[in-house]
Amino acid sequence: MANQEEIAMIARSPLFAVIQELKARFTNFGGWEMPLQFSGITAEHESVRNGAGMFDISHMGKFSLQGKNLVSQLQSLVPSDLSRLQPNQAQYTVLSNPQAGIIDDIIFYYQGEDNTGVQKGWLIVNAATTAKDKAWLVEHLDTKQVEFQDLSTQKVLLAVQGPKATQILQKFVEQDLTSVKAFGHLDATVLGKPAFLARTGYTGEDGFEVMVEPTVGIELWQNLLTAGVVPCGLGARDTLRLEAAMALYGQDIDDVTTPLEAGLSWLVHLDTKGDFIGREVLQQQKAIGVQHKLVGLKMPGRNIARHGYPVLSAGEKVGEITSGTLSPTLGYPIALAYVPAELTTIGNQLEVEIRGKIYPATVVKRPFYRSKSRVGK
């Protein structure tokens, strides 16, 4: 009976039926039944690196917010200075707890202020943390001033990624996409219907994320498929994001790691903003340094360091792998791990224990891969 209840609780994207027709392999991810792969992880990965691939990311949390003091209220919940944002700009940041731990990593899309002083924006959050994030936001925002709408199950979200993604997507969008900078966004018209488009993604390549009504999402998916865009699943999404050294919440970052420990110091703006939850901890870490830090590791051969594998230095365990894979683009294993700060120098030699055997690993600069075609911020 428990298993039947669990199955009943799993959510499905509005695109589930059209994806099922493509004979995708599915997996449970964050409480959603999502495609793991279609033609194969490596083939899908390469389609994004060399052409265009598309992902159903409708499982992501989608919060619409508006209010006269929206930005100033959000300012107290994140370490990034959101007041710097101009209309149609976005900020990748984190919701932080009092210990400066990461409740979730999010993107805030600021849409601007109308002539009555009401500010509007979208927050896109991770699927597995949607309920937790919503509760935290509702608790800490003044809901008398800020209108909060959870539209997570009411919208389709598609990611179209790769060096040819913009060119192909443009066929179905009225507005000029070439004018949108990285982390820019706009209200647009897709297939004659209203849409929200953002030049963001989780692959390390150029591309757009498109939020539309379910019927439009199904039509757009089918049109993109006809136009030659390759459908991709969570397997390729994971290898792509790891090559780009983008963190996966629950593995590489969580509520006991801080953004300074996770190598996300670029989103901590202590000098340009006032108080926020977790500020004191981050100030202290910046002043005296962090004790451990997330690093990139390169390994020889095909010895893949998986999540949870021990990392050693001089035979002693000093950390654990958080994410690891055989990089389809680079042709060798790569991984992320937290290790003591004194061991994070580029070129430092460490070891990873894989099924009882010890293999060498070298600390390398992140990201592991950087796209030549990605549009700059």
Protein backbone atom coordinates (compact mmCIF):
# COMPACT_ATOMS: atom_id res chain seq x y z
CA MET A 1 0.00 0.00 0.00
CA ALA A 2 2.86 2.40 0.84
CA ASN A 3 4.34 1.98 -2.62
CA GLN A 4 0.98 2.74 -4.24
CA GLU A 5 0.68 5.89 -2.12
CA GLU A 6 4.19 6.96 -3.13
CA ILE A 7 3.38 6.44 -6.81
CA ALA A 8 0.18 8.47 -6.42
CA MET A 9 2.18 11.35 -4.95
CA ILE A 10 4.64 11.58 -7.84
CA ALA A 11 3.90 14.60 -10.02
CA ARG A 12 3.99 14.61 -13.79
CA SER A 13 4.81 17.45 -16.15
CA PRO A 14 2.18 18.57 -18.67
CA LEU A 15 4.66 17.26 -21.25
CA PHE A 16 4.65 13.74 -19.82
CA ALA A 17 2.49 12.20 -22.55
CA VAL A 18 4.46 13.64 -25.49
CA ILE A 19 7.73 12.66 -23.83
CA GLN A 20 6.42 9.15 -23.17
CA GLU A 21 5.67 8.81 -26.88
CA LEU A 22 9.40 9.22 -27.51
CA LYS A 23 10.04 6.15 -25.33
CA ALA A 24 12.05 8.06 -22.77
CA ARG A 25 13.33 6.29 -19.66
CA PHE A 26 11.84 7.96 -16.57
CA THR A 27 13.06 8.45 -13.03
CA ASN A 28 11.70 9.95 -9.82
CA PHE A 29 13.42 13.30 -9.25
CA GLY A 30 12.33 15.70 -6.53
CA GLY A 31 8.90 14.06 -6.40
CA TRP A 32 8.41 14.29 -10.17
CA GLU A 33 8.45 11.53 -12.78
CA MET A 34 11.00 12.99 -15.19
CA PRO A 35 12.83 11.69 -18.29
CA LEU A 36 16.29 10.35 -17.45
CA GLN A 37 17.30 9.82 -21.08
CA PHE A 38 15.95 9.46 -24.61
CA SER A 39 18.58 8.38 -27.17
CA GLY A 40 21.34 8.02 -24.57
CA ILE A 41 23.17 10.34 -22.17
CA THR A 42 26.32 10.79 -24.25
CA ALA A 43 24.43 11.47 -27.50
CA GLU A 44 22.16 13.97 -25.75
CA HIS A 45 25.13 15.63 -24.04
CA GLU A 46 26.94 16.06 -27.36
CA SER A 47 23.83 17.50 -29.02
CA VAL A 48 23.85 20.35 -26.51
CA ARG A 49 27.59 20.97 -26.82
CA ASN A 50 27.50 20.95 -30.64
CA GLY A 51 23.97 21.88 -31.71
CA ALA A 52 20.76 22.24 -29.73
CA GLY A 53 19.04 20.15 -27.09
CA MET A 54 15.89 20.71 -25.07
CA PHE A 55 14.92 19.72 -21.55
CA ASP A 56 11.56 19.58 -19.84
CA ILE A 57 12.30 21.37 -16.55
CA SER A 58 8.67 21.92 -15.58
CA HIS A 59 9.44 20.29 -12.22
CA MET A 60 11.26 23.45 -11.10
CA GLY A 61 9.46 25.69 -8.60
CA LYS A 62 8.02 28.88 -10.14
CA PHE A 63 7.06 31.75 -7.85
CA SER A 64 5.55 35.01 -9.09
CA LEU A 65 6.06 37.96 -6.73
CA GLN A 66 4.96 41.57 -6.81
CA GLY A 67 4.81 44.43 -4.33
CA LYS A 68 5.99 47.97 -3.67
CA ASN A 69 8.93 46.81 -1.54
CA LEU A 70 9.63 43.47 -3.23
CA VAL A 71 13.37 43.95 -3.86
CA SER A 72 14.11 45.41 -0.42
CA GLN A 73 12.30 42.52 1.26
CA LEU A 74 14.16 39.90 -0.76
CA GLN A 75 17.42 41.72 0.06
CA SER A 76 17.24 40.47 3.66
CA LEU A 77 17.00 36.82 2.56
CA VAL A 78 19.98 36.56 0.18
CA PRO A 79 23.69 37.56 0.28
CA SER A 80 23.53 39.18 -3.18
CA ASP A 81 22.76 42.85 -3.77
CA LEU A 82 19.51 42.72 -5.71
CA SER A 83 19.23 46.52 -5.75
CA ARG A 84 21.82 46.54 -8.55
CA LEU A 85 19.41 44.77 -10.91
CA GLN A 86 17.90 46.74 -13.76
CA PRO A 87 14.54 45.68 -15.24
CA ASN A 88 14.86 42.46 -17.26
CA GLN A 89 18.06 41.40 -15.46
CA ALA A 90 18.46 38.35 -13.23
CA GLN A 91 20.66 37.28 -10.32
CA TYR A 92 21.72 33.76 -9.41
CA THR A 93 21.86 33.64 -5.62
CA VAL A 94 20.96 31.58 -2.56
CA LEU A 95 18.44 31.68 0.23
CA SER A 96 20.53 31.59 3.40
CA ASN A 97 19.72 30.46 6.93
CA PRO A 98 21.12 32.08 10.12
CA GLN A 99 24.25 29.90 9.88
CA ALA A 100 24.73 31.12 6.27
CA GLY A 101 23.89 27.62 5.08
CA ILE A 102 22.20 27.36 1.69
CA ILE A 103 18.47 26.68 1.94
CA ASP A 104 18.39 26.57 -1.86
CA ASP A 105 20.09 28.11 -4.86
CA ILE A 106 17.69 30.22 -6.88
CA ILE A 107 17.43 32.73 -9.71
CA PHE A 108 15.57 36.01 -9.20
CA TYR A 109 14.31 37.54 -12.44
CA TYR A 110 13.54 41.22 -11.87
CA GLN A 111 10.86 42.48 -14.26
CA GLY A 112 10.87 46.11 -13.11
CA GLU A 113 8.52 48.59 -11.49
CA ASP A 114 5.24 49.90 -12.87
CA ASN A 115 3.97 53.49 -12.65
CA THR A 116 2.32 52.78 -9.28
CA GLY A 117 5.61 51.68 -7.72
CA VAL A 118 4.80 47.95 -7.75
CA GLN A 119 7.88 45.80 -8.43
CA LYS A 120 7.50 42.43 -10.14
CA GLY A 121 9.66 39.38 -10.57
CA TRP A 122 9.96 35.61 -10.79
CA LEU A 123 11.83 33.25 -8.50
CA ILE A 124 12.80 29.88 -9.97
CA VAL A 125 13.78 27.30 -7.37
CA ASN A 126 14.70 23.62 -7.24
CA ALA A 127 11.98 20.98 -7.49
CA ALA A 128 12.90 19.05 -4.33
CA THR A 129 12.98 22.24 -2.24
CA THR A 130 9.91 24.02 -3.62
CA ALA A 131 7.77 23.43 -0.53
CA LYS A 132 10.62 24.31 1.83
CA ASP A 133 11.45 27.49 -0.10
CA LYS A 134 7.81 28.54 -0.23
CA ALA A 135 7.42 28.13 3.53
CA TRP A 136 10.62 30.11 4.19
CA LEU A 137 9.61 32.94 1.87
CA VAL A 138 6.06 33.20 3.20
CA GLU A 139 7.45 33.26 6.75
CA HIS A 140 9.98 36.03 6.05
CA LEU A 141 8.18 38.21 3.50
CA ASP A 142 5.51 40.69 4.54
CA THR A 143 2.61 39.18 2.62
CA LYS A 144 0.61 42.35 3.23
CA GLN A 145 3.08 44.14 0.97
CA VAL A 146 4.19 41.32 -1.33
CA GLU A 147 1.79 39.18 -3.34
CA PHE A 148 3.19 35.64 -3.61
CA GLN A 149 1.87 33.12 -6.14
CA ASP A 150 3.11 29.55 -6.46
CA LEU A 151 2.62 28.65 -10.13
CA SER A 152 4.89 25.59 -10.05
CA THR A 153 2.31 23.13 -11.36
CA GLN A 154 0.55 25.58 -13.67
CA LYS A 155 3.38 26.43 -16.07
CA VAL A 156 5.59 24.50 -18.47
CA LEU A 157 9.29 25.35 -18.31
CA LEU A 158 11.51 24.33 -21.22
CA ALA A 159 15.27 24.78 -21.54
CA VAL A 160 16.60 25.06 -25.09
CA GLN A 161 20.39 24.90 -24.90
CA GLY A 162 23.38 24.79 -27.22
CA PRO A 163 25.24 26.93 -29.80
CA LYS A 164 22.31 26.63 -32.25
CA ALA A 165 19.55 26.98 -29.64
CA THR A 166 18.84 30.69 -30.07
CA GLN A 167 18.79 30.49 -33.86
CA ILE A 168 16.24 27.65 -33.82
CA LEU A 169 14.07 29.03 -31.02
CA GLN A 170 13.88 32.39 -32.81
CA LYS A 171 11.63 30.81 -35.46
CA PHE A 172 8.83 30.56 -32.91
CA VAL A 173 9.34 33.86 -31.04
CA GLU A 174 8.18 37.31 -32.24
CA GLN A 175 10.80 39.30 -30.33
CA ASP A 176 14.48 39.54 -31.33
CA LEU A 177 16.36 37.10 -29.10
CA THR A 178 19.81 38.30 -30.16
CA SER A 179 19.22 41.52 -28.19
CA VAL A 180 18.86 39.61 -24.92
CA LYS A 181 22.11 39.39 -22.94
CA ALA A 182 23.11 36.51 -20.66
CA PHE A 183 20.91 36.54 -17.57
CA GLY A 184 18.56 38.89 -19.41
CA HIS A 185 14.89 38.05 -19.80
CA LEU A 186 11.67 39.38 -21.29
CA ASP A 187 7.96 38.90 -21.64
CA ALA A 188 7.58 37.61 -25.18
CA THR A 189 5.22 36.02 -27.67
CA VAL A 190 5.81 32.36 -28.50
CA LEU A 191 3.63 30.71 -31.14
CA GLY A 192 1.32 33.70 -30.83
CA LYS A 193 0.85 33.28 -27.06
CA PRO A 194 2.33 35.05 -23.99
CA ALA A 195 5.59 33.64 -22.67
CA PHE A 196 8.46 34.44 -20.33
CA LEU A 197 11.94 33.89 -21.80
CA ALA A 198 15.29 34.04 -19.99
CA ARG A 199 18.80 33.66 -21.37
CA THR A 200 19.82 31.33 -18.57
CA GLY A 201 20.48 27.62 -18.26
CA TYR A 202 22.20 24.79 -16.44
CA THR A 203 24.46 23.38 -19.14
CA GLY A 204 27.34 25.83 -19.62
CA GLU A 205 26.05 26.63 -23.12
CA ASP A 206 24.08 29.52 -24.56
CA GLY A 207 20.33 29.13 -24.67
CA PHE A 208 16.98 30.10 -23.24
CA GLU A 209 14.55 28.91 -20.63
CA VAL A 210 10.94 29.36 -21.76
CA MET A 211 7.93 29.50 -19.42
CA VAL A 212 4.49 29.13 -21.02
CA GLU A 213 1.02 27.74 -20.46
CA PRO A 214 0.83 23.92 -20.78
CA THR A 215 -0.91 23.86 -24.19
CA VAL A 216 1.72 26.23 -25.61
CA GLY A 217 4.49 24.16 -24.04
CA ILE A 218 3.29 21.00 -25.76
CA GLU A 219 3.04 22.79 -29.11
CA LEU A 220 6.50 24.36 -28.69
CA TRP A 221 8.06 21.00 -27.74
CA GLN A 222 6.65 19.40 -30.88
CA ASN A 223 7.75 22.32 -33.08
CA LEU A 224 11.28 22.24 -31.66
CA LEU A 225 11.42 18.49 -32.19
CA THR A 226 10.43 18.95 -35.85
CA ALA A 227 13.08 21.68 -36.17
CA GLY A 228 15.78 19.20 -35.15
CA VAL A 229 16.26 20.04 -31.48
CA VAL A 230 17.29 16.88 -29.60
CA PRO A 231 15.20 15.93 -26.54
CA CYS A 232 17.42 15.45 -23.49
CA GLY A 233 16.90 14.01 -20.03
CA LEU A 234 18.23 14.52 -16.54
CA GLY A 235 21.24 12.28 -17.21
CA ALA A 236 22.71 14.63 -19.81
CA ARG A 237 21.64 17.64 -17.75
CA ASP A 238 23.81 16.30 -14.92
CA THR A 239 26.92 15.64 -17.02
CA LEU A 240 26.57 19.02 -18.75
CA ARG A 241 26.20 21.00 -15.51
CA LEU A 242 29.11 19.14 -13.89
CA GLU A 243 31.45 19.98 -16.79
CA ALA A 244 30.43 23.60 -16.25
CA ALA A 245 31.00 23.11 -12.47
CA MET A 246 27.46 24.18 -11.64
CA ALA A 247 26.36 23.01 -8.20
CA LEU A 248 23.61 20.46 -7.64
CA TYR A 249 21.56 21.22 -4.57
CA GLY A 250 21.56 18.37 -2.06
CA GLN A 251 24.96 17.13 -3.25
CA ASP A 252 27.41 19.98 -3.85
CA ILE A 253 25.59 22.54 -1.71
CA ASP A 254 23.10 22.23 1.15
CA ASP A 255 21.90 23.91 4.31
CA VAL A 256 25.16 23.30 6.18
CA THR A 257 27.49 24.65 3.48
CA THR A 258 27.96 28.37 2.89
CA PRO A 259 28.43 30.08 -0.48
CA LEU A 260 32.04 30.95 0.45
CA GLU A 261 32.79 27.29 1.15
CA ALA A 262 31.09 26.31 -2.13
CA GLY A 263 33.25 28.69 -4.21
CA LEU A 264 30.31 31.04 -4.80
CA SER A 265 31.99 34.13 -3.34
CA TRP A 266 31.02 36.11 -6.46
CA LEU A 267 27.38 36.15 -5.34
CA VAL A 268 28.20 37.43 -1.81
CA HIS A 269 28.10 41.24 -1.81
CA LEU A 270 29.04 42.18 1.75
CA ASP A 271 30.36 45.62 0.80
CA THR A 272 27.33 46.93 -1.07
CA LYS A 273 24.30 45.84 0.94
CA GLY A 274 22.97 45.98 4.48
CA ASP A 275 21.93 43.25 6.85
CA PHE A 276 20.68 39.87 5.69
CA ILE A 277 20.18 36.43 7.23
CA GLY A 278 23.59 34.77 7.69
CA ARG A 279 25.64 37.94 7.17
CA GLU A 280 27.59 37.64 10.43
CA VAL A 281 28.84 34.14 9.58
CA LEU A 282 29.89 35.15 6.07
CA GLN A 283 31.71 38.22 7.40
CA GLN A 284 33.65 36.02 9.79
CA GLN A 285 34.48 33.48 7.09
CA LYS A 286 35.66 36.22 4.76
CA ALA A 287 37.86 37.69 7.49
CA ILE A 288 39.54 34.49 8.70
CA GLY A 289 38.95 32.18 5.73
CA VAL A 290 36.93 28.97 5.42
CA GLN A 291 38.07 25.66 6.88
CA HIS A 292 37.08 23.58 3.89
CA LYS A 293 36.19 24.38 0.31
CA LEU A 294 34.70 22.80 -2.81
CA VAL A 295 37.33 21.93 -5.42
CA GLY A 296 37.42 20.43 -8.89
CA LEU A 297 39.29 17.17 -9.39
CA LYS A 298 40.65 15.56 -12.55
CA MET A 299 41.45 11.86 -12.63
CA PRO A 300 43.40 9.73 -15.11
CA GLY A 301 42.02 6.79 -17.06
CA ARG A 302 38.37 5.92 -16.58
CA ASN A 303 38.25 5.65 -12.79
CA ILE A 304 35.10 7.58 -11.92
CA ALA A 305 34.79 9.14 -8.47
CA ARG A 306 31.12 8.95 -7.47
CA HIS A 307 29.13 10.82 -4.85
CA GLY A 308 30.20 9.81 -1.34
CA TYR A 309 33.58 8.30 -2.26
CA PRO A 310 36.36 9.20 0.24
CA VAL A 311 39.02 11.76 -0.72
CA LEU A 312 42.45 11.20 0.84
CA SER A 313 45.68 13.11 1.35
CA ALA A 314 48.81 11.23 2.40
CA GLY A 315 46.63 8.20 3.07
CA GLU A 316 44.26 10.01 5.43
CA LYS A 317 40.63 10.77 4.63
CA VAL A 318 40.16 14.54 4.23
CA GLY A 319 36.81 14.78 2.44
CA GLU A 320 34.20 13.21 0.17
CA ILE A 321 33.20 13.43 -3.46
CA THR A 322 29.98 15.37 -3.93
CA SER A 323 29.57 14.84 -7.70
CA GLY A 324 31.55 12.87 -10.27
CA THR A 325 31.30 11.57 -13.82
CA LEU A 326 33.26 10.62 -16.90
CA SER A 327 33.21 13.86 -18.89
CA PRO A 328 31.83 13.16 -22.39
CA THR A 329 33.42 16.35 -23.74
CA LEU A 330 36.84 16.06 -22.11
CA GLY A 331 37.18 12.29 -22.17
CA TYR A 332 38.39 11.87 -18.58
CA PRO A 333 36.77 11.64 -15.13
CA ILE A 334 35.96 14.86 -13.27
CA ALA A 335 34.58 15.44 -9.79
CA LEU A 336 33.75 17.97 -7.11
CA ALA A 337 34.70 17.49 -3.45
CA TYR A 338 35.01 19.39 -0.19
CA VAL A 339 38.53 19.28 1.24
CA PRO A 340 40.49 21.33 3.81
CA ALA A 341 41.29 24.83 2.54
CA GLU A 342 45.04 24.20 2.69
CA LEU A 343 44.67 21.43 0.10
CA THR A 344 42.81 23.48 -2.53
CA THR A 345 45.80 24.87 -4.45
CA ILE A 346 45.56 24.19 -8.19
CA GLY A 347 47.79 21.25 -9.04
CA ASN A 348 47.69 19.75 -5.55
CA GLN A 349 47.74 15.96 -5.60
CA LEU A 350 45.01 14.05 -3.75
CA GLU A 351 43.59 10.52 -3.93
CA VAL A 352 40.15 8.97 -4.19
CA GLU A 353 39.16 5.59 -2.82
CA ILE A 354 37.05 3.69 -5.36
CA ARG A 355 35.73 0.29 -4.26
CA GLY A 356 38.66 -0.28 -1.92
CA LYS A 357 41.39 0.88 -4.32
CA ILE A 358 43.24 4.20 -4.28
CA TYR A 359 43.48 6.37 -7.42
CA PRO A 360 45.26 9.71 -7.98
CA ALA A 361 43.32 12.97 -8.38
CA THR A 362 44.58 16.47 -9.20
CA VAL A 363 42.99 19.71 -8.05
CA VAL A 364 42.12 21.71 -11.18
CA LYS A 365 40.57 25.06 -11.98
CA ARG A 366 36.81 25.25 -12.39
CA PRO A 367 34.84 25.13 -14.59
CA PHE A 368 36.20 21.99 -16.21
CA TYR A 369 34.74 23.12 -19.53
CA ARG A 370 34.00 26.61 -20.84
CA SER A 371 31.93 27.10 -23.98
CA LYS A 372 33.39 29.30 -26.72
CA SER A 373 29.92 30.15 -28.00
CA ARG A 374 28.31 31.15 -24.71
CA VAL A 375 27.09 34.75 -24.61
CA GLY A 376 28.80 36.85 -21.95
CA LYS A 377 26.94 38.69 -19.21
